[in-house]
Amino acid sequence: MTQSIVVQVGQCGNQIGCRFWDLALREHAAVNKQGVYDEPLSSFFRNVDSRYDDPANIPVGSGKGKVKSLKARAVLVDMEEGVVSEMMKGPLREVFDFRQHITDVSGSGNNWAVGHKMYGPQYREQLSDVIRRAAEFCDCLQCFFVIHSMGGGMLFAC
């Protein structure tokens, strides 16, 4: 059982990422009508017991356990908080762990140099910590998916 972490960067990355999570949930629901937390679902989602402040992971086990509360294996990064805020108000808000977000208020103004030179050094350690935390929840980390645009101001993570 391998897991993947999706790192969504900038406005474009977060908008496409939001569509990805919606589609992943709908496709799995179409195949898995019993609501079971199985290996395919565990590739991109954690099944957690959300009764605690720091939700406890529920392992796949036999693959017959029910879904309790899904959390996406995702890191959301944007220096302009608008898109991430909209996602957190939308229908998928419960899927994202608020501790896996890195946002700022001002933004890069679609200027790659600002994102690379200003926000990169400023958020490098926080980004590393958030990605490390996401990786620690994986039993067997297979890969990272990085979703971002090819232009604009948020290419600092590369």
N, C-alpha and C. Protein backbone atom coordinates (compact mmCIF):
# COMPACT_ATOMS: atom_id res chain seq x y z
N MET A 1 0.84 -1.16 0.00
CA MET A 1 0.00 0.00 0.00
C MET A 1 0.89 1.23 0.00
N THR A 2 0.84 1.99 -1.07
CA THR A 2 1.67 3.19 -1.21
C THR A 2 0.78 4.43 -1.18
N GLN A 3 1.38 5.52 -0.73
CA GLN A 3 0.64 6.77 -0.66
C GLN A 3 1.36 7.85 -1.46
N SER A 4 0.58 8.82 -1.89
CA SER A 4 1.09 9.97 -2.63
C SER A 4 0.65 11.24 -1.93
N ILE A 5 1.49 12.25 -1.99
CA ILE A 5 1.16 13.55 -1.41
C ILE A 5 1.04 14.55 -2.56
N VAL A 6 -0.05 15.30 -2.55
CA VAL A 6 -0.29 16.31 -3.58
C VAL A 6 0.07 17.67 -2.99
N VAL A 7 1.00 18.36 -3.66
CA VAL A 7 1.40 19.70 -3.24
C VAL A 7 0.81 20.67 -4.27
N GLN A 8 -0.14 21.47 -3.82
CA GLN A 8 -0.83 22.42 -4.69
C GLN A 8 -0.24 23.80 -4.45
N VAL A 9 0.30 24.41 -5.51
CA VAL A 9 1.02 25.67 -5.36
C VAL A 9 0.37 26.75 -6.20
N GLY A 10 0.04 27.87 -5.56
CA GLY A 10 -0.50 29.03 -6.25
C GLY A 10 -1.97 28.88 -6.61
N GLN A 11 -2.48 29.92 -7.24
CA GLN A 11 -3.89 29.95 -7.61
C GLN A 11 -4.25 28.81 -8.55
N CYS A 12 -3.48 28.64 -9.59
CA CYS A 12 -3.75 27.60 -10.57
C CYS A 12 -3.65 26.21 -9.94
N GLY A 13 -2.58 25.97 -9.20
CA GLY A 13 -2.39 24.66 -8.57
C GLY A 13 -3.51 24.31 -7.61
N ASN A 14 -3.98 25.29 -6.86
CA ASN A 14 -5.05 25.03 -5.90
C ASN A 14 -6.40 24.86 -6.59
N GLN A 15 -6.65 25.59 -7.66
CA GLN A 15 -7.90 25.42 -8.38
C GLN A 15 -7.95 24.05 -9.07
N ILE A 16 -6.87 23.66 -9.71
CA ILE A 16 -6.82 22.35 -10.35
C ILE A 16 -6.86 21.25 -9.29
N GLY A 17 -6.13 21.46 -8.19
CA GLY A 17 -6.13 20.49 -7.10
C GLY A 17 -7.51 20.27 -6.52
N CYS A 18 -8.28 21.33 -6.38
CA CYS A 18 -9.64 21.21 -5.86
C CYS A 18 -10.48 20.32 -6.77
N ARG A 19 -10.33 20.49 -8.05
CA ARG A 19 -11.06 19.64 -9.02
C ARG A 19 -10.58 18.19 -8.92
N PHE A 20 -9.28 18.01 -8.73
CA PHE A 20 -8.72 16.66 -8.59
C PHE A 20 -9.36 15.93 -7.41
N TRP A 21 -9.42 16.59 -6.25
CA TRP A 21 -9.96 15.94 -5.05
C TRP A 21 -11.44 15.62 -5.22
N ASP A 22 -12.17 16.53 -5.83
CA ASP A 22 -13.59 16.29 -6.08
C ASP A 22 -13.77 15.07 -6.98
N LEU A 23 -13.00 15.01 -8.04
CA LEU A 23 -13.10 13.88 -8.98
C LEU A 23 -12.66 12.57 -8.32
N ALA A 24 -11.59 12.61 -7.54
CA ALA A 24 -11.11 11.40 -6.86
C ALA A 24 -12.18 10.84 -5.93
N LEU A 25 -12.84 11.71 -5.19
CA LEU A 25 -13.89 11.25 -4.28
C LEU A 25 -15.09 10.69 -5.04
N ARG A 26 -15.49 11.38 -6.10
CA ARG A 26 -16.65 10.92 -6.87
C ARG A 26 -16.37 9.59 -7.56
N GLU A 27 -15.18 9.44 -8.13
CA GLU A 27 -14.86 8.19 -8.81
C GLU A 27 -14.79 7.03 -7.83
N HIS A 28 -14.20 7.26 -6.67
CA HIS A 28 -14.12 6.18 -5.69
C HIS A 28 -15.50 5.82 -5.16
N ALA A 29 -16.35 6.81 -4.96
CA ALA A 29 -17.71 6.56 -4.48
C ALA A 29 -18.51 5.75 -5.50
N ALA A 30 -18.24 5.96 -6.79
CA ALA A 30 -18.96 5.22 -7.82
C ALA A 30 -18.58 3.75 -7.81
N VAL A 31 -17.35 3.45 -7.43
CA VAL A 31 -16.87 2.07 -7.42
C VAL A 31 -17.11 1.41 -6.06
N ASN A 32 -16.93 2.16 -5.01
CA ASN A 32 -17.00 1.63 -3.65
C ASN A 32 -18.28 2.13 -2.99
N LYS A 33 -19.36 1.45 -3.23
CA LYS A 33 -20.67 1.90 -2.75
C LYS A 33 -20.90 1.63 -1.26
N GLN A 34 -20.07 0.79 -0.65
CA GLN A 34 -20.23 0.47 0.78
C GLN A 34 -19.56 1.49 1.70
N GLY A 35 -18.80 2.43 1.15
CA GLY A 35 -18.12 3.41 1.98
C GLY A 35 -16.99 2.82 2.80
N VAL A 36 -16.25 1.89 2.19
CA VAL A 36 -15.17 1.20 2.87
C VAL A 36 -13.86 1.93 2.62
N TYR A 37 -13.03 2.04 3.66
CA TYR A 37 -11.70 2.64 3.52
C TYR A 37 -10.75 1.53 3.06
N ASP A 38 -10.39 1.57 1.78
CA ASP A 38 -9.56 0.51 1.21
C ASP A 38 -8.25 1.09 0.69
N GLU A 39 -7.41 0.21 0.13
CA GLU A 39 -6.09 0.65 -0.34
C GLU A 39 -6.14 1.72 -1.43
N PRO A 40 -7.01 1.60 -2.43
CA PRO A 40 -7.04 2.69 -3.43
C PRO A 40 -7.36 4.06 -2.81
N LEU A 41 -8.25 4.09 -1.85
CA LEU A 41 -8.59 5.35 -1.20
C LEU A 41 -7.45 5.84 -0.32
N SER A 42 -6.71 4.91 0.28
CA SER A 42 -5.62 5.30 1.18
C SER A 42 -4.43 5.89 0.43
N SER A 43 -4.40 5.73 -0.88
CA SER A 43 -3.30 6.32 -1.66
C SER A 43 -3.30 7.84 -1.57
N PHE A 44 -4.49 8.43 -1.50
CA PHE A 44 -4.59 9.88 -1.49
C PHE A 44 -5.28 10.46 -0.26
N PHE A 45 -5.87 9.61 0.57
CA PHE A 45 -6.61 10.08 1.74
C PHE A 45 -6.21 9.33 2.99
N ARG A 46 -6.25 10.03 4.12
CA ARG A 46 -6.11 9.39 5.42
C ARG A 46 -7.51 9.23 6.00
N ASN A 47 -7.76 8.12 6.66
CA ASN A 47 -9.00 7.90 7.38
C ASN A 47 -8.70 8.23 8.84
N VAL A 48 -9.35 9.24 9.37
CA VAL A 48 -8.99 9.71 10.71
C VAL A 48 -10.20 9.68 11.65
N ASP A 49 -9.90 9.56 12.91
CA ASP A 49 -10.90 9.69 13.96
C ASP A 49 -10.85 11.15 14.40
N SER A 50 -11.81 11.93 13.97
CA SER A 50 -11.76 13.37 14.17
C SER A 50 -12.30 13.82 15.53
N ARG A 51 -12.48 12.89 16.45
CA ARG A 51 -12.94 13.27 17.79
C ARG A 51 -11.83 13.94 18.60
N TYR A 52 -10.60 13.85 18.11
CA TYR A 52 -9.46 14.39 18.84
C TYR A 52 -8.95 15.65 18.16
N ASP A 53 -8.25 16.51 18.92
CA ASP A 53 -7.66 17.73 18.35
C ASP A 53 -6.67 17.39 17.25
N ASP A 54 -5.83 16.40 17.50
CA ASP A 54 -4.90 15.91 16.48
C ASP A 54 -5.46 14.56 16.04
N PRO A 55 -6.25 14.54 14.95
CA PRO A 55 -6.97 13.32 14.56
C PRO A 55 -6.06 12.10 14.43
N ALA A 56 -6.51 11.00 15.01
CA ALA A 56 -5.75 9.76 14.97
C ALA A 56 -6.02 9.03 13.66
N ASN A 57 -4.96 8.50 13.05
CA ASN A 57 -5.10 7.72 11.82
C ASN A 57 -5.75 6.38 12.11
N ILE A 58 -6.62 5.95 11.22
CA ILE A 58 -7.21 4.62 11.29
C ILE A 58 -6.64 3.85 10.11
N PRO A 59 -5.87 2.79 10.36
CA PRO A 59 -5.22 2.07 9.26
C PRO A 59 -6.23 1.34 8.37
N VAL A 60 -5.76 0.97 7.18
CA VAL A 60 -6.61 0.24 6.24
C VAL A 60 -7.02 -1.10 6.83
N GLY A 61 -6.09 -1.77 7.49
CA GLY A 61 -6.39 -3.07 8.09
C GLY A 61 -6.78 -4.08 7.04
N SER A 62 -7.95 -4.69 7.21
CA SER A 62 -8.41 -5.72 6.28
C SER A 62 -9.02 -5.12 5.02
N GLY A 63 -9.17 -3.80 4.97
CA GLY A 63 -9.79 -3.17 3.82
C GLY A 63 -11.30 -3.22 3.86
N LYS A 64 -11.86 -3.55 5.02
CA LYS A 64 -13.31 -3.63 5.17
C LYS A 64 -13.85 -2.62 6.18
N GLY A 65 -12.96 -1.79 6.75
CA GLY A 65 -13.39 -0.79 7.72
C GLY A 65 -14.09 0.38 7.05
N LYS A 66 -15.04 0.95 7.73
CA LYS A 66 -15.80 2.08 7.19
C LYS A 66 -14.99 3.37 7.21
N VAL A 67 -15.32 4.25 6.30
CA VAL A 67 -14.72 5.57 6.26
C VAL A 67 -15.27 6.36 7.44
N LYS A 68 -14.38 6.94 8.23
CA LYS A 68 -14.80 7.79 9.35
C LYS A 68 -14.79 9.25 8.90
N SER A 69 -13.61 9.78 8.71
CA SER A 69 -13.44 11.16 8.26
C SER A 69 -12.19 11.20 7.39
N LEU A 70 -12.36 11.53 6.14
CA LEU A 70 -11.22 11.54 5.21
C LEU A 70 -10.48 12.86 5.26
N LYS A 71 -9.16 12.77 5.22
CA LYS A 71 -8.30 13.94 5.10
C LYS A 71 -7.38 13.71 3.91
N ALA A 72 -7.37 14.66 3.00
CA ALA A 72 -6.54 14.55 1.81
C ALA A 72 -5.07 14.60 2.18
N ARG A 73 -4.27 13.81 1.48
CA ARG A 73 -2.82 13.87 1.65
C ARG A 73 -2.34 15.02 0.76
N ALA A 74 -2.60 16.24 1.24
CA ALA A 74 -2.35 17.42 0.42
C ALA A 74 -1.69 18.52 1.24
N VAL A 75 -0.88 19.31 0.54
CA VAL A 75 -0.30 20.53 1.09
C VAL A 75 -0.74 21.66 0.17
N LEU A 76 -1.40 22.66 0.73
CA LEU A 76 -1.91 23.78 -0.05
C LEU A 76 -1.03 25.00 0.21
N VAL A 77 -0.46 25.56 -0.86
CA VAL A 77 0.45 26.69 -0.74
C VAL A 77 -0.02 27.80 -1.66
N ASP A 78 -0.19 29.00 -1.11
CA ASP A 78 -0.51 30.16 -1.93
C ASP A 78 -0.23 31.41 -1.12
N MET A 79 0.46 32.35 -1.70
CA MET A 79 0.80 33.58 -0.99
C MET A 79 -0.30 34.62 -1.09
N GLU A 80 -1.36 34.28 -1.75
CA GLU A 80 -2.57 35.10 -1.74
C GLU A 80 -3.68 34.17 -1.29
N GLU A 81 -4.22 34.40 -0.13
CA GLU A 81 -5.07 33.42 0.54
C GLU A 81 -6.45 33.22 -0.07
N GLY A 82 -6.82 33.96 -1.09
CA GLY A 82 -8.17 33.92 -1.63
C GLY A 82 -8.64 32.55 -2.09
N VAL A 83 -7.86 31.86 -2.90
CA VAL A 83 -8.29 30.57 -3.45
C VAL A 83 -8.38 29.52 -2.34
N VAL A 84 -7.39 29.48 -1.47
CA VAL A 84 -7.42 28.50 -0.37
C VAL A 84 -8.59 28.79 0.56
N SER A 85 -8.86 30.06 0.82
CA SER A 85 -10.01 30.42 1.67
C SER A 85 -11.32 29.98 1.04
N GLU A 86 -11.44 30.15 -0.27
CA GLU A 86 -12.66 29.70 -0.96
C GLU A 86 -12.81 28.18 -0.88
N MET A 87 -11.70 27.46 -1.00
CA MET A 87 -11.75 26.00 -0.88
C MET A 87 -12.21 25.60 0.52
N MET A 88 -11.77 26.35 1.52
CA MET A 88 -12.12 26.02 2.90
C MET A 88 -13.56 26.39 3.24
N LYS A 89 -14.21 27.13 2.37
CA LYS A 89 -15.63 27.45 2.55
C LYS A 89 -16.51 26.55 1.69
N GLY A 90 -15.91 25.84 0.76
CA GLY A 90 -16.65 25.04 -0.21
C GLY A 90 -17.03 23.66 0.31
N PRO A 91 -17.59 22.85 -0.57
CA PRO A 91 -18.08 21.52 -0.18
C PRO A 91 -16.98 20.55 0.24
N LEU A 92 -15.74 20.81 -0.13
CA LEU A 92 -14.64 19.90 0.23
C LEU A 92 -13.87 20.36 1.47
N ARG A 93 -14.40 21.34 2.19
CA ARG A 93 -13.66 21.94 3.31
C ARG A 93 -13.24 20.93 4.37
N GLU A 94 -14.03 19.90 4.60
CA GLU A 94 -13.70 18.91 5.62
C GLU A 94 -12.58 17.97 5.19
N VAL A 95 -12.29 17.94 3.90
CA VAL A 95 -11.28 17.02 3.37
C VAL A 95 -9.86 17.53 3.64
N PHE A 96 -9.70 18.84 3.77
CA PHE A 96 -8.38 19.42 3.93
C PHE A 96 -8.07 19.70 5.39
N ASP A 97 -6.87 19.33 5.80
CA ASP A 97 -6.39 19.57 7.15
C ASP A 97 -5.84 21.00 7.21
N PHE A 98 -6.40 21.83 8.06
CA PHE A 98 -5.99 23.23 8.11
C PHE A 98 -4.52 23.39 8.49
N ARG A 99 -3.92 22.37 9.08
CA ARG A 99 -2.50 22.45 9.44
C ARG A 99 -1.59 22.21 8.23
N GLN A 100 -2.18 21.87 7.10
CA GLN A 100 -1.41 21.58 5.89
C GLN A 100 -1.51 22.73 4.88
N HIS A 101 -1.81 23.93 5.35
CA HIS A 101 -1.92 25.10 4.48
C HIS A 101 -0.78 26.06 4.78
N ILE A 102 -0.27 26.68 3.74
CA ILE A 102 0.68 27.78 3.90
C ILE A 102 0.16 28.92 3.04
N THR A 103 -0.28 29.98 3.69
CA THR A 103 -0.82 31.12 2.95
C THR A 103 -0.25 32.42 3.51
N ASP A 104 -0.38 33.46 2.72
CA ASP A 104 0.00 34.81 3.12
C ASP A 104 -1.09 35.72 2.58
N VAL A 105 -1.00 36.98 2.86
CA VAL A 105 -2.06 37.90 2.47
C VAL A 105 -1.76 38.64 1.17
N SER A 106 -0.53 39.06 0.99
CA SER A 106 -0.25 40.01 -0.09
C SER A 106 -0.13 39.40 -1.48
N GLY A 107 0.44 38.24 -1.61
CA GLY A 107 0.61 37.63 -2.92
C GLY A 107 1.84 38.11 -3.65
N SER A 108 2.15 37.43 -4.74
CA SER A 108 3.34 37.74 -5.54
C SER A 108 3.01 38.60 -6.74
N GLY A 109 1.76 38.89 -6.96
CA GLY A 109 1.37 39.72 -8.10
C GLY A 109 1.72 39.08 -9.43
N ASN A 110 1.64 37.75 -9.51
CA ASN A 110 1.99 37.01 -10.73
C ASN A 110 3.41 37.31 -11.20
N ASN A 111 4.29 37.55 -10.26
CA ASN A 111 5.68 37.86 -10.57
C ASN A 111 6.55 36.74 -10.02
N TRP A 112 7.09 35.93 -10.90
CA TRP A 112 7.89 34.77 -10.50
C TRP A 112 9.06 35.18 -9.62
N ALA A 113 9.72 36.27 -9.94
CA ALA A 113 10.90 36.70 -9.19
C ALA A 113 10.55 37.02 -7.74
N VAL A 114 9.39 37.63 -7.51
CA VAL A 114 8.97 37.94 -6.14
C VAL A 114 8.73 36.64 -5.37
N GLY A 115 8.05 35.70 -5.99
CA GLY A 115 7.81 34.42 -5.34
C GLY A 115 9.09 33.68 -5.03
N HIS A 116 10.01 33.71 -5.98
CA HIS A 116 11.27 32.97 -5.84
C HIS A 116 12.21 33.62 -4.83
N LYS A 117 12.39 34.92 -4.93
CA LYS A 117 13.38 35.61 -4.09
C LYS A 117 12.84 36.04 -2.73
N MET A 118 11.57 36.39 -2.65
CA MET A 118 11.03 36.91 -1.39
C MET A 118 10.36 35.81 -0.57
N TYR A 119 9.37 35.14 -1.16
CA TYR A 119 8.60 34.16 -0.39
C TYR A 119 9.33 32.83 -0.23
N GLY A 120 10.16 32.48 -1.18
CA GLY A 120 10.90 31.22 -1.09
C GLY A 120 11.71 31.13 0.19
N PRO A 121 12.64 32.05 0.40
CA PRO A 121 13.43 32.00 1.63
C PRO A 121 12.58 32.18 2.90
N GLN A 122 11.55 32.99 2.80
CA GLN A 122 10.72 33.27 3.97
C GLN A 122 9.93 32.05 4.43
N TYR A 123 9.47 31.22 3.50
CA TYR A 123 8.60 30.10 3.83
C TYR A 123 9.25 28.73 3.65
N ARG A 124 10.51 28.69 3.31
CA ARG A 124 11.19 27.41 3.02
C ARG A 124 11.08 26.43 4.19
N GLU A 125 11.38 26.88 5.39
CA GLU A 125 11.36 25.99 6.55
C GLU A 125 9.94 25.53 6.88
N GLN A 126 8.99 26.44 6.82
CA GLN A 126 7.60 26.08 7.10
C GLN A 126 7.08 25.09 6.06
N LEU A 127 7.43 25.30 4.80
CA LEU A 127 7.03 24.39 3.74
C LEU A 127 7.64 23.01 3.96
N SER A 128 8.91 22.97 4.31
CA SER A 128 9.57 21.69 4.60
C SER A 128 8.89 20.97 5.76
N ASP A 129 8.54 21.71 6.81
CA ASP A 129 7.88 21.10 7.97
C ASP A 129 6.51 20.53 7.62
N VAL A 130 5.75 21.26 6.83
CA VAL A 130 4.40 20.81 6.47
C VAL A 130 4.48 19.57 5.56
N ILE A 131 5.40 19.58 4.62
CA ILE A 131 5.55 18.42 3.74
C ILE A 131 6.08 17.22 4.53
N ARG A 132 7.01 17.46 5.44
CA ARG A 132 7.52 16.38 6.29
C ARG A 132 6.39 15.78 7.13
N ARG A 133 5.54 16.63 7.68
CA ARG A 133 4.42 16.15 8.49
C ARG A 133 3.48 15.29 7.64
N ALA A 134 3.21 15.72 6.42
CA ALA A 134 2.36 14.92 5.53
C ALA A 134 3.01 13.58 5.23
N ALA A 135 4.32 13.59 5.03
CA ALA A 135 5.04 12.34 4.73
C ALA A 135 5.05 11.40 5.93
N GLU A 136 5.09 11.94 7.12
CA GLU A 136 5.10 11.10 8.32
C GLU A 136 3.80 10.32 8.50
N PHE A 137 2.72 10.79 7.90
CA PHE A 137 1.45 10.07 7.97
C PHE A 137 1.37 8.93 6.96
N CYS A 138 2.38 8.78 6.13
CA CYS A 138 2.38 7.74 5.10
C CYS A 138 3.11 6.50 5.61
N ASP A 139 2.58 5.33 5.27
CA ASP A 139 3.26 4.08 5.58
C ASP A 139 4.36 3.81 4.57
N CYS A 140 4.07 4.10 3.30
CA CYS A 140 5.01 3.84 2.22
C CYS A 140 4.83 4.94 1.16
N LEU A 141 5.53 6.04 1.35
CA LEU A 141 5.40 7.18 0.45
C LEU A 141 5.95 6.83 -0.92
N GLN A 142 5.10 6.95 -1.92
CA GLN A 142 5.49 6.61 -3.28
C GLN A 142 5.98 7.83 -4.05
N CYS A 143 5.23 8.94 -3.96
CA CYS A 143 5.61 10.09 -4.77
C CYS A 143 4.93 11.36 -4.27
N PHE A 144 5.37 12.46 -4.85
CA PHE A 144 4.75 13.76 -4.66
C PHE A 144 4.19 14.20 -6.00
N PHE A 145 2.98 14.72 -6.00
CA PHE A 145 2.43 15.38 -7.17
C PHE A 145 2.49 16.87 -6.88
N VAL A 146 3.15 17.62 -7.73
CA VAL A 146 3.21 19.07 -7.56
C VAL A 146 2.36 19.67 -8.67
N ILE A 147 1.32 20.39 -8.27
CA ILE A 147 0.42 21.02 -9.23
C ILE A 147 0.63 22.52 -9.14
N HIS A 148 1.05 23.13 -10.25
CA HIS A 148 1.27 24.57 -10.28
C HIS A 148 1.22 25.04 -11.73
N SER A 149 1.19 26.35 -11.90
CA SER A 149 1.23 26.89 -13.25
C SER A 149 2.69 27.04 -13.68
N MET A 150 2.89 27.26 -14.94
CA MET A 150 4.25 27.43 -15.45
C MET A 150 4.71 28.89 -15.38
N GLY A 151 3.83 29.80 -15.06
CA GLY A 151 4.20 31.21 -14.93
C GLY A 151 3.69 31.74 -13.61
N GLY A 152 3.69 33.02 -13.45
CA GLY A 152 3.17 33.61 -12.22
C GLY A 152 4.21 33.72 -11.14
N GLY A 153 3.76 33.93 -9.92
CA GLY A 153 4.67 34.27 -8.85
C GLY A 153 4.94 33.20 -7.83
N MET A 154 4.36 32.02 -7.93
CA MET A 154 4.49 31.04 -6.85
C MET A 154 5.43 29.90 -7.17
N LEU A 155 6.35 30.06 -8.05
CA LEU A 155 7.24 28.97 -8.41
C LEU A 155 8.42 28.86 -7.46
N PHE A 156 8.29 29.42 -6.25
CA PHE A 156 9.41 29.41 -5.32
C PHE A 156 9.73 28.03 -4.80
N ALA A 157 8.81 27.10 -4.86
CA ALA A 157 9.03 25.78 -4.28
C ALA A 157 9.99 24.94 -5.12
N CYS A 158 10.23 25.31 -6.34
CA CYS A 158 11.07 24.49 -7.22
C CYS A 158 12.54 24.76 -7.01
